[in-house]
């Protein structure tokens, strides 16, 4: 079972959503939280960057918490460090 933690509210879903559901959930949560001024910049700067590709990530993550989606293998990775490409940890 995969526990997907909501990065905005901290809520944990105890279901195993498919990859598309996970991406849609993160995007909708980010869209639904409208703020202004400095707070908006802080949220954007501290939000994970979500990228995708057709294989496992080979680049070094820019910050802890960034996400990478392998669209061929339907795998999701999260950055647990920023030293090398081995800092991507597979979630599913």
N, C-alpha and C. Protein backbone atom coordinates (compact mmCIF):
# COMPACT_ATOMS: atom_id res chain seq x y z
N UNK A 1 0.85 -1.18 0.00
CA UNK A 1 0.00 0.00 0.00
C UNK A 1 0.89 1.23 0.00
N UNK A 2 0.55 2.20 -0.81
CA UNK A 2 1.28 3.45 -0.89
C UNK A 2 0.49 4.50 -0.13
N UNK A 3 1.15 5.20 0.76
CA UNK A 3 0.52 6.32 1.46
C UNK A 3 0.98 7.58 0.78
N UNK A 4 0.05 8.36 0.27
CA UNK A 4 0.38 9.59 -0.45
C UNK A 4 0.08 10.76 0.45
N UNK A 5 1.12 11.46 0.88
CA UNK A 5 0.94 12.58 1.79
C UNK A 5 0.70 13.85 1.01
N UNK A 6 -0.38 14.53 1.34
CA UNK A 6 -0.73 15.79 0.73
C UNK A 6 0.29 16.83 1.19
N UNK A 7 1.04 17.43 0.25
CA UNK A 7 2.11 18.36 0.61
C UNK A 7 1.59 19.69 1.13
N UNK A 8 0.33 20.01 0.89
CA UNK A 8 -0.23 21.27 1.36
C UNK A 8 -0.84 21.11 2.76
N UNK A 9 -1.70 20.11 2.94
CA UNK A 9 -2.42 19.97 4.21
C UNK A 9 -1.79 18.98 5.16
N UNK A 10 -0.91 18.11 4.67
CA UNK A 10 -0.31 17.09 5.51
C UNK A 10 -1.17 15.86 5.68
N UNK A 11 -2.36 15.84 5.05
CA UNK A 11 -3.28 14.71 5.14
C UNK A 11 -2.70 13.51 4.40
N UNK A 12 -2.86 12.31 4.95
CA UNK A 12 -2.38 11.09 4.31
C UNK A 12 -3.58 10.28 3.84
N UNK A 13 -3.56 9.92 2.54
CA UNK A 13 -4.59 9.05 1.98
C UNK A 13 -4.10 7.62 2.08
N UNK A 14 -4.93 6.73 2.58
CA UNK A 14 -4.54 5.34 2.77
C UNK A 14 -5.01 4.44 1.63
N UNK A 15 -5.24 5.00 0.48
CA UNK A 15 -5.55 4.20 -0.69
C UNK A 15 -4.33 4.20 -1.60
N UNK A 16 -4.37 3.41 -2.61
CA UNK A 16 -3.27 3.36 -3.57
C UNK A 16 -3.78 3.93 -4.89
N UNK A 17 -3.68 5.24 -5.06
CA UNK A 17 -4.18 5.85 -6.29
C UNK A 17 -3.24 5.53 -7.45
N UNK A 18 -3.80 5.57 -8.66
CA UNK A 18 -2.91 5.38 -9.80
C UNK A 18 -2.10 6.65 -10.01
N UNK A 19 -1.14 6.59 -10.88
CA UNK A 19 -0.21 7.69 -11.09
C UNK A 19 -0.92 8.96 -11.53
N UNK A 20 -1.87 8.84 -12.44
CA UNK A 20 -2.60 10.01 -12.92
C UNK A 20 -3.38 10.67 -11.79
N UNK A 21 -3.99 9.86 -10.91
CA UNK A 21 -4.72 10.41 -9.76
C UNK A 21 -3.78 11.21 -8.85
N UNK A 22 -2.57 10.70 -8.65
CA UNK A 22 -1.61 11.39 -7.78
C UNK A 22 -1.23 12.75 -8.35
N UNK A 23 -0.92 12.78 -9.63
CA UNK A 23 -0.53 14.05 -10.26
C UNK A 23 -1.69 15.03 -10.23
N UNK A 24 -2.89 14.57 -10.59
CA UNK A 24 -4.06 15.44 -10.58
C UNK A 24 -4.33 15.99 -9.19
N UNK A 25 -4.16 15.17 -8.16
CA UNK A 25 -4.41 15.61 -6.79
C UNK A 25 -3.44 16.72 -6.39
N UNK A 26 -2.16 16.53 -6.67
CA UNK A 26 -1.16 17.54 -6.33
C UNK A 26 -1.46 18.84 -7.09
N UNK A 27 -1.75 18.74 -8.37
CA UNK A 27 -2.04 19.94 -9.16
C UNK A 27 -3.28 20.66 -8.65
N UNK A 28 -4.34 19.92 -8.33
CA UNK A 28 -5.56 20.57 -7.86
C UNK A 28 -5.36 21.23 -6.50
N UNK A 29 -4.57 20.61 -5.64
CA UNK A 29 -4.31 21.22 -4.34
C UNK A 29 -3.51 22.50 -4.48
N UNK A 30 -2.54 22.50 -5.35
CA UNK A 30 -1.75 23.71 -5.57
C UNK A 30 -2.62 24.81 -6.17
N UNK A 31 -3.53 24.45 -7.09
CA UNK A 31 -4.41 25.43 -7.71
C UNK A 31 -5.45 25.97 -6.73
N UNK A 32 -5.88 25.16 -5.77
CA UNK A 32 -6.96 25.57 -4.88
C UNK A 32 -6.52 26.50 -3.75
N UNK A 33 -5.22 26.61 -3.52
CA UNK A 33 -4.72 27.46 -2.44
C UNK A 33 -4.23 28.78 -3.03
N UNK A 34 -5.12 29.76 -3.03
CA UNK A 34 -4.80 31.06 -3.60
C UNK A 34 -4.35 31.99 -2.48
N UNK A 35 -3.18 32.54 -2.63
CA UNK A 35 -2.62 33.46 -1.65
C UNK A 35 -2.11 34.70 -2.38
N UNK A 36 -1.65 35.67 -1.64
CA UNK A 36 -1.14 36.86 -2.31
C UNK A 36 0.23 37.24 -1.77
N UNK A 37 0.91 38.08 -2.53
CA UNK A 37 2.18 38.67 -2.09
C UNK A 37 3.26 37.66 -1.75
N UNK A 38 3.96 37.95 -0.67
CA UNK A 38 5.11 37.16 -0.24
C UNK A 38 4.75 35.71 0.04
N UNK A 39 3.58 35.50 0.62
CA UNK A 39 3.16 34.14 0.96
C UNK A 39 3.08 33.27 -0.30
N UNK A 40 2.58 33.83 -1.40
CA UNK A 40 2.50 33.09 -2.66
C UNK A 40 3.89 32.71 -3.14
N UNK A 41 4.84 33.63 -3.09
CA UNK A 41 6.21 33.33 -3.52
C UNK A 41 6.82 32.23 -2.66
N UNK A 42 6.57 32.26 -1.34
CA UNK A 42 7.10 31.23 -0.46
C UNK A 42 6.50 29.87 -0.79
N UNK A 43 5.21 29.83 -1.07
CA UNK A 43 4.56 28.57 -1.41
C UNK A 43 5.14 28.02 -2.71
N UNK A 44 5.29 28.86 -3.70
CA UNK A 44 5.84 28.42 -4.99
C UNK A 44 7.27 27.95 -4.83
N UNK A 45 8.09 28.70 -4.12
CA UNK A 45 9.49 28.33 -3.94
C UNK A 45 9.64 27.04 -3.15
N UNK A 46 8.74 26.79 -2.21
CA UNK A 46 8.84 25.61 -1.36
C UNK A 46 8.05 24.41 -1.89
N UNK A 47 7.30 24.61 -2.96
CA UNK A 47 6.53 23.52 -3.55
C UNK A 47 7.46 22.60 -4.34
N UNK A 48 7.13 21.32 -4.37
CA UNK A 48 7.97 20.40 -5.14
C UNK A 48 7.84 20.67 -6.63
N UNK A 49 8.92 20.44 -7.34
CA UNK A 49 8.90 20.51 -8.79
C UNK A 49 8.57 19.11 -9.27
N UNK A 50 7.58 19.01 -10.15
CA UNK A 50 7.18 17.72 -10.69
C UNK A 50 7.61 17.65 -12.14
N UNK A 51 8.49 16.69 -12.45
CA UNK A 51 8.95 16.50 -13.82
C UNK A 51 8.64 15.06 -14.23
N UNK A 52 8.79 14.80 -15.52
CA UNK A 52 8.52 13.44 -16.01
C UNK A 52 9.46 13.09 -17.14
N UNK A 53 9.53 11.80 -17.41
CA UNK A 53 10.35 11.29 -18.49
C UNK A 53 9.95 9.87 -18.81
N UNK A 54 10.64 9.27 -19.77
CA UNK A 54 10.28 7.93 -20.23
C UNK A 54 11.12 6.84 -19.58
N UNK A 55 11.88 7.18 -18.57
CA UNK A 55 12.70 6.22 -17.82
C UNK A 55 12.94 6.78 -16.43
N UNK A 56 13.61 6.02 -15.59
CA UNK A 56 13.95 6.49 -14.24
C UNK A 56 14.80 7.76 -14.35
N UNK A 57 14.72 8.64 -13.36
CA UNK A 57 15.49 9.89 -13.43
C UNK A 57 17.00 9.65 -13.39
N UNK A 58 17.73 10.41 -14.18
CA UNK A 58 19.19 10.30 -14.22
C UNK A 58 19.87 11.60 -13.79
N UNK A 59 19.07 12.62 -13.54
CA UNK A 59 19.62 13.92 -13.11
C UNK A 59 19.64 14.01 -11.60
N UNK A 60 20.39 14.93 -11.08
CA UNK A 60 20.43 15.20 -9.64
C UNK A 60 19.24 16.08 -9.27
N UNK A 61 18.48 15.72 -8.24
CA UNK A 61 17.34 16.56 -7.85
C UNK A 61 17.81 17.95 -7.41
N UNK A 62 16.98 18.94 -7.69
CA UNK A 62 17.30 20.32 -7.31
C UNK A 62 17.01 20.59 -5.84
N UNK A 63 15.95 19.95 -5.30
CA UNK A 63 15.65 20.11 -3.88
C UNK A 63 14.91 18.89 -3.36
N UNK A 64 15.05 18.66 -2.07
CA UNK A 64 14.37 17.55 -1.41
C UNK A 64 12.86 17.78 -1.55
N UNK A 65 12.15 16.73 -1.91
CA UNK A 65 10.70 16.82 -2.08
C UNK A 65 10.26 16.91 -3.53
N UNK A 66 11.20 17.22 -4.44
CA UNK A 66 10.84 17.24 -5.85
C UNK A 66 10.36 15.85 -6.26
N UNK A 67 9.54 15.80 -7.30
CA UNK A 67 8.98 14.53 -7.75
C UNK A 67 9.31 14.30 -9.22
N UNK A 68 9.44 13.04 -9.58
CA UNK A 68 9.70 12.64 -10.97
C UNK A 68 8.78 11.48 -11.30
N UNK A 69 8.16 11.53 -12.48
CA UNK A 69 7.25 10.48 -12.92
C UNK A 69 7.82 9.82 -14.17
N UNK A 70 8.04 8.51 -14.09
CA UNK A 70 8.44 7.70 -15.24
C UNK A 70 7.14 7.30 -15.92
N UNK A 71 6.85 7.91 -17.09
CA UNK A 71 5.56 7.71 -17.75
C UNK A 71 5.46 6.36 -18.46
N UNK A 72 6.57 5.69 -18.70
CA UNK A 72 6.53 4.38 -19.34
C UNK A 72 6.30 3.28 -18.30
N UNK A 73 7.07 3.30 -17.24
CA UNK A 73 6.96 2.27 -16.20
C UNK A 73 5.90 2.62 -15.14
N UNK A 74 5.30 3.81 -15.26
CA UNK A 74 4.31 4.27 -14.27
C UNK A 74 4.87 4.22 -12.85
N UNK A 75 6.05 4.77 -12.68
CA UNK A 75 6.70 4.84 -11.38
C UNK A 75 6.84 6.30 -10.97
N UNK A 76 6.75 6.53 -9.67
CA UNK A 76 6.89 7.88 -9.13
C UNK A 76 8.06 7.89 -8.16
N UNK A 77 8.88 8.92 -8.26
CA UNK A 77 10.06 9.07 -7.42
C UNK A 77 9.97 10.39 -6.66
N UNK A 78 10.57 10.42 -5.47
CA UNK A 78 10.67 11.65 -4.71
C UNK A 78 12.14 11.86 -4.35
N UNK A 79 12.56 13.11 -4.37
CA UNK A 79 13.95 13.44 -4.05
C UNK A 79 14.14 13.43 -2.54
N UNK A 80 15.13 12.63 -2.09
CA UNK A 80 15.44 12.55 -0.67
C UNK A 80 16.79 13.18 -0.36
N UNK A 81 17.41 13.76 -1.37
CA UNK A 81 18.69 14.44 -1.24
C UNK A 81 18.97 15.22 -2.50
N UNK A 82 20.12 15.90 -2.53
CA UNK A 82 20.46 16.73 -3.69
C UNK A 82 21.91 16.55 -4.10
N UNK A 83 22.48 15.38 -3.85
CA UNK A 83 23.89 15.14 -4.14
C UNK A 83 24.09 14.45 -5.48
N UNK A 84 23.25 13.46 -5.79
CA UNK A 84 23.42 12.71 -7.04
C UNK A 84 22.08 12.16 -7.50
N UNK A 85 22.09 11.54 -8.67
CA UNK A 85 20.84 10.97 -9.20
C UNK A 85 20.35 9.81 -8.34
N UNK A 86 21.19 9.25 -7.51
CA UNK A 86 20.75 8.17 -6.61
C UNK A 86 19.89 8.69 -5.46
N UNK A 87 19.72 10.02 -5.37
CA UNK A 87 18.88 10.61 -4.33
C UNK A 87 17.40 10.57 -4.69
N UNK A 88 17.04 9.99 -5.84
CA UNK A 88 15.64 9.76 -6.18
C UNK A 88 15.21 8.44 -5.54
N UNK A 89 14.15 8.48 -4.72
CA UNK A 89 13.63 7.28 -4.06
C UNK A 89 12.28 6.93 -4.69
N UNK A 90 12.16 5.68 -5.10
CA UNK A 90 10.92 5.24 -5.76
C UNK A 90 9.81 5.11 -4.72
N UNK A 91 8.60 5.57 -5.09
CA UNK A 91 7.46 5.52 -4.17
C UNK A 91 6.57 4.31 -4.43
N UNK A 92 6.56 3.80 -5.64
CA UNK A 92 5.65 2.67 -5.93
C UNK A 92 6.32 1.61 -6.74
